[in-house]
C-alpha atoms as a PDB file:
ATOM      1  CA  MET A   1     153.972  77.864 126.910  1.00  0.00           C
ATOM      2  CA  SER A   2     152.483  77.475 123.445  1.00  0.00           C
ATOM      3  CA  LYS A   3     153.821  74.737 121.214  1.00  0.00           C
ATOM      4  CA  HIS A   4     155.245  75.192 117.731  1.00  0.00           C
ATOM      5  CA  TYR A   5     155.528  71.935 115.789  1.00  0.00           C
ATOM      6  CA  VAL A   6     158.057  71.864 112.957  1.00  0.00           C
ATOM      7  CA  LEU A   7     157.234  68.907 110.734  1.00  0.00           C
ATOM      8  CA  ASP A   8     159.235  67.168 108.057  1.00  0.00           C
ATOM      9  CA  PHE A   9     157.225  66.129 104.981  1.00  0.00           C
ATOM     10  CA  ASP A  10     158.546  63.049 103.139  1.00  0.00           C
ATOM     11  CA  GLY A  11     158.395  59.970 105.345  1.00  0.00           C
ATOM     12  CA  THR A  12     156.918  61.902 108.269  1.00  0.00           C
ATOM     13  CA  LEU A  13     153.605  63.204 106.926  1.00  0.00           C
ATOM     14  CA  PHE A  14     153.652  61.748 103.419  1.00  0.00           C
ATOM     15  CA  ASN A  15     154.298  58.169 102.284  1.00  0.00           C
ATOM     16  CA  VAL A  16     156.860  59.050  99.661  1.00  0.00           C
ATOM     17  CA  GLY A  17     157.815  55.378  99.355  1.00  0.00           C
ATOM     18  CA  ILE A  18     154.706  54.781  97.232  1.00  0.00           C
ATOM     19  CA  LEU A  19     155.830  57.481  94.796  1.00  0.00           C
ATOM     20  CA  TRP A  20     159.403  56.262  94.694  1.00  0.00           C
ATOM     21  CA  ASP A  21     158.460  52.640  93.948  1.00  0.00           C
ATOM     22  CA  ARG A  22     156.091  53.679  91.178  1.00  0.00           C
ATOM     23  CA  TRP A  23     158.692  56.002  89.653  1.00  0.00           C
ATOM     24  CA  LEU A  24     161.243  53.176  89.668  1.00  0.00           C
ATOM     25  CA  ASP A  25     158.679  50.907  87.979  1.00  0.00           C
ATOM     26  CA  GLU A  26     158.165  53.496  85.255  1.00  0.00           C
ATOM     27  CA  LEU A  27     161.903  53.922  84.740  1.00  0.00           C
ATOM     28  CA  GLU A  28     162.274  50.141  84.469  1.00  0.00           C
ATOM     29  CA  ALA A  29     159.577  50.164  81.774  1.00  0.00           C
ATOM     30  CA  CYS A  30     161.897  52.570  79.897  1.00  0.00           C
ATOM     31  CA  ASP A  31     164.716  49.976  80.151  1.00  0.00           C
ATOM     32  CA  VAL A  32     166.498  51.739  83.023  1.00  0.00           C
ATOM     33  CA  ASP A  33     168.341  49.464  85.459  1.00  0.00           C
ATOM     34  CA  ARG A  34     166.502  49.653  88.787  1.00  0.00           C
ATOM     35  CA  GLU A  35     169.601  49.429  91.013  1.00  0.00           C
ATOM     36  CA  GLU A  36     171.369  52.154  89.053  1.00  0.00           C
ATOM     37  CA  ALA A  37     168.255  54.309  89.343  1.00  0.00           C
ATOM     38  CA  ILE A  38     168.202  53.778  93.121  1.00  0.00           C
ATOM     39  CA  ASP A  39     171.890  54.655  93.462  1.00  0.00           C
ATOM     40  CA  LYS A  40     171.516  57.825  91.401  1.00  0.00           C
ATOM     41  CA  GLY A  41     168.328  58.766  93.231  1.00  0.00           C
ATOM     42  CA  ASN A  42     170.069  58.464  96.594  1.00  0.00           C
ATOM     43  CA  GLN A  43     172.706  60.924  95.380  1.00  0.00           C
ATOM     44  CA  LEU A  44     170.064  63.368  94.189  1.00  0.00           C
ATOM     45  CA  PHE A  45     168.110  63.182  97.462  1.00  0.00           C
ATOM     46  CA  GLY A  46     171.044  64.950  99.115  1.00  0.00           C
ATOM     47  CA  GLU A  47     171.003  67.728  96.529  1.00  0.00           C
ATOM     48  CA  GLY A  48     167.308  68.225  95.780  1.00  0.00           C
ATOM     49  CA  PHE A  49     165.600  65.470  93.795  1.00  0.00           C
ATOM     50  CA  THR A  50     163.488  66.157  90.717  1.00  0.00           C
ATOM     51  CA  LEU A  51     161.919  63.666  88.341  1.00  0.00           C
ATOM     52  CA  ARG A  52     163.418  65.391  85.327  1.00  0.00           C
ATOM     53  CA  GLU A  53     166.967  65.523  86.658  1.00  0.00           C
ATOM     54  CA  HIS A  54     166.793  61.875  87.679  1.00  0.00           C
ATOM     55  CA  GLY A  55     165.433  60.838  84.292  1.00  0.00           C
ATOM     56  CA  GLN A  56     168.097  62.823  82.474  1.00  0.00           C
ATOM     57  CA  GLN A  57     170.849  61.237  84.516  1.00  0.00           C
ATOM     58  CA  MET A  58     169.434  57.828  83.677  1.00  0.00           C
ATOM     59  CA  GLY A  59     169.784  58.630  79.979  1.00  0.00           C
ATOM     60  CA  ILE A  60     166.130  58.997  78.956  1.00  0.00           C
ATOM     61  CA  GLU A  61     165.722  61.020  75.764  1.00  0.00           C
ATOM     62  CA  ALA A  62     164.066  64.440  75.953  1.00  0.00           C
ATOM     63  CA  ASP A  63     160.743  63.657  74.242  1.00  0.00           C
ATOM     64  CA  GLU A  64     160.239  60.429  76.174  1.00  0.00           C
ATOM     65  CA  LEU A  65     161.203  62.174  79.415  1.00  0.00           C
ATOM     66  CA  ASP A  66     158.738  65.013  78.820  1.00  0.00           C
ATOM     67  CA  GLU A  67     155.932  62.483  78.481  1.00  0.00           C
ATOM     68  CA  LEU A  68     157.125  60.444  81.468  1.00  0.00           C
ATOM     69  CA  VAL A  69     157.388  63.446  83.816  1.00  0.00           C
ATOM     70  CA  SER A  70     154.080  64.908  82.671  1.00  0.00           C
ATOM     71  CA  GLY A  71     152.267  61.621  83.242  1.00  0.00           C
ATOM     72  CA  PHE A  72     153.869  61.129  86.640  1.00  0.00           C
ATOM     73  CA  GLU A  73     152.953  64.631  87.774  1.00  0.00           C
ATOM     74  CA  GLU A  74     149.337  63.887  86.816  1.00  0.00           C
ATOM     75  CA  TYR A  75     149.554  60.736  88.938  1.00  0.00           C
ATOM     76  CA  ILE A  76     150.879  62.728  91.936  1.00  0.00           C
ATOM     77  CA  GLN A  77     148.137  65.320  91.504  1.00  0.00           C
ATOM     78  CA  ALA A  78     145.464  62.628  91.486  1.00  0.00           C
ATOM     79  CA  GLU A  79     146.799  60.387  94.257  1.00  0.00           C
ATOM     80  CA  ALA A  80     148.778  62.557  96.702  1.00  0.00           C
ATOM     81  CA  LEU A  81     145.892  62.926  99.141  1.00  0.00           C
ATOM     82  CA  THR A  82     145.868  59.151  99.633  1.00  0.00           C
ATOM     83  CA  MET A  83     149.586  59.210 100.499  1.00  0.00           C
ATOM     84  CA  LEU A  84     149.148  61.371 103.586  1.00  0.00           C
ATOM     85  CA  TYR A  85     149.389  59.195 106.672  1.00  0.00           C
ATOM     86  CA  PRO A  86     145.950  58.940 108.345  1.00  0.00           C
ATOM     87  CA  ASP A  87     147.055  60.616 111.596  1.00  0.00           C
ATOM     88  CA  VAL A  88     148.234  63.805 109.875  1.00  0.00           C
ATOM     89  CA  VAL A  89     145.046  65.796 109.264  1.00  0.00           C
ATOM     90  CA  PRO A  90     143.533  65.025 112.702  1.00  0.00           C
ATOM     91  CA  PHE A  91     146.778  66.164 114.332  1.00  0.00           C
ATOM     92  CA  LEU A  92     146.769  69.452 112.403  1.00  0.00           C
ATOM     93  CA  GLN A  93     143.062  70.052 113.023  1.00  0.00           C
ATOM     94  CA  GLU A  94     142.930  69.141 116.699  1.00  0.00           C
ATOM     95  CA  ARG A  95     146.139  70.587 118.134  1.00  0.00           C
ATOM     96  CA  ASP A  96     146.033  74.082 119.559  1.00  0.00           C
ATOM     97  CA  ALA A  97     149.491  74.929 118.262  1.00  0.00           C
ATOM     98  CA  THR A  98     151.496  76.640 115.540  1.00  0.00           C
ATOM     99  CA  PHE A  99     152.817  74.567 112.634  1.00  0.00           C
ATOM    100  CA  THR A 100     155.721  74.878 110.235  1.00  0.00           C
ATOM    101  CA  LEU A 101     156.515  72.456 107.432  1.00  0.00           C
ATOM    102  CA  LEU A 102     160.286  72.102 106.994  1.00  0.00           C
ATOM    103  CA  THR A 103     161.282  69.807 104.167  1.00  0.00           C
ATOM    104  CA  PHE A 104     164.520  69.286 102.251  1.00  0.00           C
ATOM    105  CA  GLY A 105     164.621  69.160  98.475  1.00  0.00           C
ATOM    106  CA  ASP A 106     163.960  70.983  95.252  1.00  0.00           C
ATOM    107  CA  HIS A 107     161.777  74.039  95.911  1.00  0.00           C
ATOM    108  CA  ASP A 108     159.290  73.506  93.080  1.00  0.00           C
ATOM    109  CA  PHE A 109     158.973  69.731  93.384  1.00  0.00           C
ATOM    110  CA  GLN A 110     158.455  69.827  97.161  1.00  0.00           C
ATOM    111  CA  HIS A 111     155.820  72.559  96.880  1.00  0.00           C
ATOM    112  CA  PHE A 112     154.090  70.579  94.119  1.00  0.00           C
ATOM    113  CA  LYS A 113     153.783  67.484  96.334  1.00  0.00           C
ATOM    114  CA  ILE A 114     152.760  69.474  99.415  1.00  0.00           C
ATOM    115  CA  GLU A 115     150.007  71.306  97.529  1.00  0.00           C
ATOM    116  CA  ALA A 116     148.829  68.110  95.804  1.00  0.00           C
ATOM    117  CA  ALA A 117     148.490  66.547  99.258  1.00  0.00           C
ATOM    118  CA  GLY A 118     146.460  69.550 100.450  1.00  0.00           C
ATOM    119  CA  LEU A 119     148.778  70.457 103.315  1.00  0.00           C
ATOM    120  CA  ASP A 120     149.045  74.088 102.252  1.00  0.00           C
ATOM    121  CA  GLU A 121     145.438  74.411 103.473  1.00  0.00           C
ATOM    122  CA  PHE A 122     146.560  73.580 107.021  1.00  0.00           C
ATOM    123  CA  ILE A 123     150.098  74.988 107.191  1.00  0.00           C
ATOM    124  CA  GLU A 124     150.959  78.455 105.890  1.00  0.00           C
ATOM    125  CA  ASP A 125     154.619  78.450 106.951  1.00  0.00           C
ATOM    126  CA  ILE A 126     156.337  76.128 104.453  1.00  0.00           C
ATOM    127  CA  ARG A 127     160.133  76.173 104.366  1.00  0.00           C
ATOM    128  CA  ILE A 128     162.355  74.311 101.929  1.00  0.00           C
ATOM    129  CA  ALA A 129     165.839  73.444 103.163  1.00  0.00           C
ATOM    130  CA  ARG A 130     168.668  73.258 100.631  1.00  0.00           C
ATOM    131  CA  PRO A 131     172.323  72.176 100.808  1.00  0.00           C
ATOM    132  CA  GLU A 132     173.325  75.815 101.412  1.00  0.00           C
ATOM    133  CA  ARG A 133     170.547  76.434 104.005  1.00  0.00           C
ATOM    134  CA  ARG A 134     169.951  73.188 105.807  1.00  0.00           C
ATOM    135  CA  LYS A 135     167.356  72.467 108.485  1.00  0.00           C
ATOM    136  CA  PRO A 136     169.435  73.495 111.549  1.00  0.00           C
ATOM    137  CA  ILE A 137     169.994  76.957 110.084  1.00  0.00           C
ATOM    138  CA  GLN A 138     166.308  77.409 109.369  1.00  0.00           C
ATOM    139  CA  LEU A 139     165.357  76.117 112.816  1.00  0.00           C
ATOM    140  CA  LYS A 140     167.780  78.581 114.399  1.00  0.00           C
ATOM    141  CA  GLU A 141     166.057  81.424 112.550  1.00  0.00           C
ATOM    142  CA  LEU A 142     162.657  80.144 113.673  1.00  0.00           C
ATOM    143  CA  CYS A 143     163.761  79.835 117.315  1.00  0.00           C
ATOM    144  CA  GLU A 144     164.998  83.432 117.239  1.00  0.00           C
ATOM    145  CA  SER A 145     161.570  84.628 116.054  1.00  0.00           C
ATOM    146  CA  THR A 146     159.343  82.876 118.622  1.00  0.00           C
ATOM    147  CA  ASP A 147     158.977  82.325 122.364  1.00  0.00           C
ATOM    148  CA  ASP A 148     157.013  79.101 121.776  1.00  0.00           C
ATOM    149  CA  GLU A 149     158.303  75.650 122.670  1.00  0.00           C
ATOM    150  CA  VAL A 150     159.666  74.291 119.368  1.00  0.00           C
ATOM    151  CA  ILE A 151     159.223  70.562 118.671  1.00  0.00           C
ATOM    152  CA  PHE A 152     160.920  69.213 115.537  1.00  0.00           C
ATOM    153  CA  ILE A 153     159.614  65.920 114.106  1.00  0.00           C
ATOM    154  CA  ASP A 154     161.573  64.182 111.334  1.00  0.00           C
ATOM    155  CA  ASP A 155     162.120  60.608 110.170  1.00  0.00           C
ATOM    156  CA  ASN A 156     165.813  61.119 109.357  1.00  0.00           C
ATOM    157  CA  PRO A 157     168.118  60.602 112.364  1.00  0.00           C
ATOM    158  CA  ARG A 158     170.899  62.543 110.637  1.00  0.00           C
ATOM    159  CA  GLU A 159     168.681  65.631 110.597  1.00  0.00           C
ATOM    160  CA  LEU A 160     167.798  65.211 114.277  1.00  0.00           C
ATOM    161  CA  ALA A 161     171.437  64.738 115.273  1.00  0.00           C
ATOM    162  CA  ALA A 162     172.444  67.822 113.273  1.00  0.00           C
ATOM    163  CA  VAL A 163     169.868  69.930 115.105  1.00  0.00           C
ATOM    164  CA  LEU A 164     171.052  68.681 118.498  1.00  0.00           C
ATOM    165  CA  ASP A 165     174.707  69.188 117.566  1.00  0.00           C
ATOM    166  CA  TYR A 166     173.834  72.745 116.562  1.00  0.00           C
ATOM    167  CA  GLY A 167     172.828  73.357 120.169  1.00  0.00           C
ATOM    168  CA  LEU A 168     169.337  74.633 119.455  1.00  0.00           C
ATOM    169  CA  PRO A 169     166.673  74.841 122.194  1.00  0.00           C
ATOM    170  CA  VAL A 170     164.460  72.388 120.319  1.00  0.00           C
ATOM    171  CA  THR A 171     162.796  69.126 121.364  1.00  0.00           C
ATOM    172  CA  VAL A 172     163.515  66.559 118.632  1.00  0.00           C
ATOM    173  CA  VAL A 173     161.302  63.553 117.902  1.00  0.00           C
ATOM    174  CA  ARG A 174     161.927  60.797 115.380  1.00  0.00           C
ATOM    175  CA  MET A 175     159.044  59.498 113.297  1.00  0.00           C
ATOM    176  CA  MET A 176     159.470  55.818 112.406  1.00  0.00           C
ATOM    177  CA  ARG A 177     156.753  54.879 109.911  1.00  0.00           C
ATOM    178  CA  GLY A 178     158.536  51.739 108.701  1.00  0.00           C
ATOM    179  CA  GLY A 179     159.350  50.530 105.210  1.00  0.00           C
ATOM    180  CA  LEU A 180     161.160  53.685 104.072  1.00  0.00           C
ATOM    181  CA  ARG A 181     164.816  54.457 103.449  1.00  0.00           C
ATOM    182  CA  ASN A 182     165.219  56.218 106.826  1.00  0.00           C
ATOM    183  CA  SER A 183     163.491  53.465 108.805  1.00  0.00           C
ATOM    184  CA  ASP A 184     166.551  51.666 110.195  1.00  0.00           C
ATOM    185  CA  ALA A 185     167.234  51.742 113.930  1.00  0.00           C
ATOM    186  CA  HIS A 186     169.737  54.357 115.127  1.00  0.00           C
ATOM    187  CA  ALA A 187     171.858  54.655 118.272  1.00  0.00           C
ATOM    188  CA  GLY A 188     170.026  57.865 119.146  1.00  0.00           C
ATOM    189  CA  ASP A 189     166.610  56.175 119.283  1.00  0.00           C
ATOM    190  CA  GLY A 190     165.291  56.386 122.837  1.00  0.00           C
ATOM    191  CA  GLU A 191     168.545  58.023 123.925  1.00  0.00           C
ATOM    192  CA  ARG A 192     168.933  61.344 122.172  1.00  0.00           C
ATOM    193  CA  TRP A 193     165.311  61.559 121.052  1.00  0.00           C
ATOM    194  CA  GLN A 194     161.879  60.035 121.514  1.00  0.00           C
ATOM    195  CA  THR A 195     160.695  57.735 118.726  1.00  0.00           C
ATOM    196  CA  ILE A 196     157.076  57.538 117.583  1.00  0.00           C
ATOM    197  CA  LYS A 197     155.110  55.696 114.915  1.00  0.00           C
ATOM    198  CA  SER A 198     152.211  58.139 114.766  1.00  0.00           C
ATOM    199  CA  LEU A 199     151.624  61.822 115.512  1.00  0.00           C
ATOM    200  CA  SER A 200     148.914  60.685 117.914  1.00  0.00           C
ATOM    201  CA  GLU A 201     151.694  59.567 120.270  1.00  0.00           C
ATOM    202  CA  ILE A 202     152.803  63.170 120.820  1.00  0.00           C
ATOM    203  CA  GLU A 203     151.623  64.343 124.219  1.00  0.00           C
END
């Protein structure tokens, strides 16, 4: 049976922690309290994070925010390729399989990062989950459209548990890169799903 890998983006293929730390540094330079920025960011991650919305909620004035967002987008455009984990491109190039990118967040911002990182050259099927159409729903639709073995790889144990609880015929694998907000151990590790630190560990 052919394999169809469904891959999360942030924290699985892309070291988003580098972006997040730099963004927090830039907010601090604008006299924003770092802990408040983290708390507000964590709320927005569940809705669909954007730089502009986060900056607005932290009280940055419009003109300053325009300049801040513009400069940060230029930084992403220039550096995103270096934020791909080194095992990603070899995995996509060498596997005889089908690939889907399934990421949660704001449609435009996620596509911007994905394209800046060059992944749209390797993966045509890019799906953005939203609060009203979360990953299990999209995986269900994908499973109904293919006879391939579907393998879902994500760093967030809540996403993996949701897929299993949905009863989908999907193999779930947790990516544990380390140093990111979803890096903590979970009761499901090694029990409900395999854990890996690199795509090269996938058999």
